[in-house]
């Protein structure tokens, strides 16, 4: 498994209760955008509009009811959504990390290499007897009592 994303197939009751409360908003939002046919449902649902929006509204109500009465009943919905979302999250996480590395860190490293900047002072100095650097002197203790 990936170290970036953890797939929790055995959540505790508190997690399932939180999931039920979040599902109220998430599935309720999906029901609303299905009813008004906007965003991902902008292509038009036609005659299926009441069924699709009703399904999401029922799922929102059912998950919320379960979270209040018996949170363990949310387990199939939680695990199902987790299993469906895991591969998507895995791919997106690696894509974001790759874009950050190649769009941000690589150009900065190339710039440092071209300008000769060495912030970690890793250059080999043959005439140096040691690479040890003395620590900065600690400030006087009285300074901590004068914050402003």
Protein backbone atom coordinates (compact mmCIF):
# COMPACT_ATOMS: atom_id res chain seq x y z
CA UNK A 1 0.00 0.00 0.00
CA UNK A 2 0.98 3.59 -0.44
CA UNK A 3 2.38 5.57 2.44
CA UNK A 4 0.61 8.67 1.13
CA UNK A 5 -2.93 7.38 1.51
CA UNK A 6 -4.19 4.91 4.09
CA UNK A 7 -7.17 2.72 3.22
CA UNK A 8 -9.18 2.18 6.40
CA UNK A 9 -11.48 -0.83 5.90
CA UNK A 10 -12.22 -1.23 9.64
CA UNK A 11 -13.24 2.24 10.89
CA UNK A 12 -14.35 2.78 14.45
CA UNK A 13 -17.81 4.05 15.41
CA UNK A 14 -16.66 7.66 15.75
CA UNK A 15 -15.34 7.66 12.18
CA UNK A 16 -18.58 6.15 10.90
CA UNK A 17 -20.59 8.73 12.84
CA UNK A 18 -18.52 11.54 11.30
CA UNK A 19 -18.94 9.95 7.88
CA UNK A 20 -22.72 10.00 8.31
CA UNK A 21 -22.71 13.69 9.13
CA UNK A 22 -20.42 14.48 6.20
CA UNK A 23 -22.57 12.27 3.94
CA UNK A 24 -25.57 14.46 4.72
CA UNK A 25 -23.81 17.43 3.13
CA UNK A 26 -22.02 15.52 0.37
CA UNK A 27 -24.95 13.44 -0.87
CA UNK A 28 -27.30 16.36 -0.28
CA UNK A 29 -25.11 18.49 -2.53
CA UNK A 30 -25.13 15.76 -5.18
CA UNK A 31 -28.94 15.56 -4.91
CA UNK A 32 -29.24 19.32 -5.40
CA UNK A 33 -26.95 19.51 -8.42
CA UNK A 34 -28.72 16.48 -9.93
CA UNK A 35 -32.10 18.14 -9.43
CA UNK A 36 -31.00 21.45 -10.98
CA UNK A 37 -28.83 19.64 -13.59
CA UNK A 38 -25.69 21.72 -13.05
CA UNK A 39 -21.98 20.92 -12.85
CA UNK A 40 -21.42 17.19 -13.47
CA UNK A 41 -25.10 16.67 -14.26
CA UNK A 42 -25.15 19.57 -16.73
CA UNK A 43 -25.62 17.20 -19.67
CA UNK A 44 -29.25 16.76 -18.59
CA UNK A 45 -30.74 13.74 -16.90
CA UNK A 46 -34.13 13.94 -18.57
CA UNK A 47 -36.70 11.59 -17.06
CA UNK A 48 -34.10 10.14 -14.66
CA UNK A 49 -33.70 13.46 -12.84
CA UNK A 50 -36.14 12.72 -9.99
CA UNK A 51 -34.75 9.21 -9.55
CA UNK A 52 -31.09 10.28 -9.44
CA UNK A 53 -31.68 13.24 -7.12
CA UNK A 54 -34.01 11.13 -4.97
CA UNK A 55 -31.37 8.39 -4.72
CA UNK A 56 -28.74 10.84 -3.47
CA UNK A 57 -31.20 12.50 -1.08
CA UNK A 58 -32.23 9.08 0.29
CA UNK A 59 -28.58 8.09 0.67
CA UNK A 60 -27.92 11.34 2.56
CA UNK A 61 -30.86 10.78 4.86
CA UNK A 62 -30.07 7.11 5.40
CA UNK A 63 -26.39 7.73 6.24
CA UNK A 64 -27.36 10.53 8.63
CA UNK A 65 -30.01 8.39 10.30
CA UNK A 66 -27.55 5.53 10.70
CA UNK A 67 -24.91 7.84 12.16
CA UNK A 68 -27.37 8.94 14.83
CA UNK A 69 -28.89 5.54 15.65
CA UNK A 70 -26.37 2.81 14.77
CA UNK A 71 -23.12 4.04 13.15
CA UNK A 72 -21.94 0.51 12.22
CA UNK A 73 -24.70 0.41 9.60
CA UNK A 74 -22.72 3.02 7.62
CA UNK A 75 -19.87 0.52 7.16
CA UNK A 76 -20.88 -0.76 3.67
CA UNK A 77 -21.32 2.76 2.30
CA UNK A 78 -18.07 3.95 3.89
CA UNK A 79 -16.02 0.97 2.69
CA UNK A 80 -17.58 1.08 -0.77
CA UNK A 81 -16.76 4.75 -1.25
CA UNK A 82 -13.27 4.24 0.20
CA UNK A 83 -12.49 1.40 -2.20
CA UNK A 84 -13.77 3.40 -5.18
CA UNK A 85 -11.89 6.58 -4.17
CA UNK A 86 -8.58 4.91 -3.20
CA UNK A 87 -7.16 4.47 -6.73
CA UNK A 88 -8.23 7.98 -7.67
CA UNK A 89 -6.53 9.46 -4.60
CA UNK A 90 -3.41 7.39 -5.20
CA UNK A 91 -3.02 8.60 -8.78
CA UNK A 92 -3.85 12.21 -7.95
CA UNK A 93 -1.39 12.26 -5.03
CA UNK A 94 1.48 11.04 -7.21
CA UNK A 95 0.53 13.41 -10.03
CA UNK A 96 0.49 16.38 -7.64
CA UNK A 97 3.85 15.38 -6.15
CA UNK A 98 5.33 14.91 -9.62
CA UNK A 99 4.07 18.28 -10.83
CA UNK A 100 5.38 20.00 -7.71
CA UNK A 101 8.78 18.37 -8.10
CA UNK A 102 9.23 19.02 -11.80
CA UNK A 103 7.58 22.46 -11.86
CA UNK A 104 8.98 23.90 -8.63
CA UNK A 105 11.91 22.03 -7.12
CA UNK A 106 13.73 21.12 -10.34
CA UNK A 107 13.87 24.71 -11.71
CA UNK A 108 15.08 26.03 -8.35
CA UNK A 109 17.78 23.34 -8.25
CA UNK A 110 18.86 24.13 -11.81
CA UNK A 111 18.98 27.84 -11.01
CA UNK A 112 21.16 27.18 -7.95
CA UNK A 113 23.40 24.91 -10.01
CA UNK A 114 23.82 27.50 -12.79
CA UNK A 115 24.47 30.39 -10.41
CA UNK A 116 26.83 28.35 -8.21
CA UNK A 117 24.81 28.87 -5.06
CA UNK A 118 25.47 26.26 -2.39
CA UNK A 119 23.25 26.98 0.66
CA UNK A 120 24.28 23.73 2.39
CA UNK A 121 27.99 24.46 1.86
CA UNK A 122 28.67 21.02 0.36
CA UNK A 123 31.58 22.06 -1.87
CA UNK A 124 34.79 20.16 -1.40
CA UNK A 125 37.53 22.42 -0.06
CA UNK A 126 40.91 20.64 -0.21
CA UNK A 127 42.69 23.27 1.93
CA UNK A 128 40.11 23.07 4.75
CA UNK A 129 41.21 21.19 7.86
CA UNK A 130 37.61 20.65 9.01
CA UNK A 131 34.11 21.37 7.84
CA UNK A 132 32.89 22.01 11.37
CA UNK A 133 31.03 25.28 11.86
CA UNK A 134 30.80 26.92 15.26
CA UNK A 135 27.32 27.41 16.65
CA UNK A 136 25.96 30.90 17.05
CA UNK A 137 26.20 32.32 20.56
CA UNK A 138 22.95 31.99 22.44
CA UNK A 139 21.19 35.27 23.21
CA UNK A 140 21.03 36.51 26.81
CA UNK A 141 18.21 35.09 28.91
CA UNK A 142 16.88 38.60 29.70
CA UNK A 143 15.76 38.88 26.07
CA UNK A 144 12.96 36.36 26.68
CA UNK A 145 11.33 38.69 29.19
CA UNK A 146 11.38 41.63 26.72
CA UNK A 147 9.10 40.44 23.94
CA UNK A 148 8.27 43.88 22.58
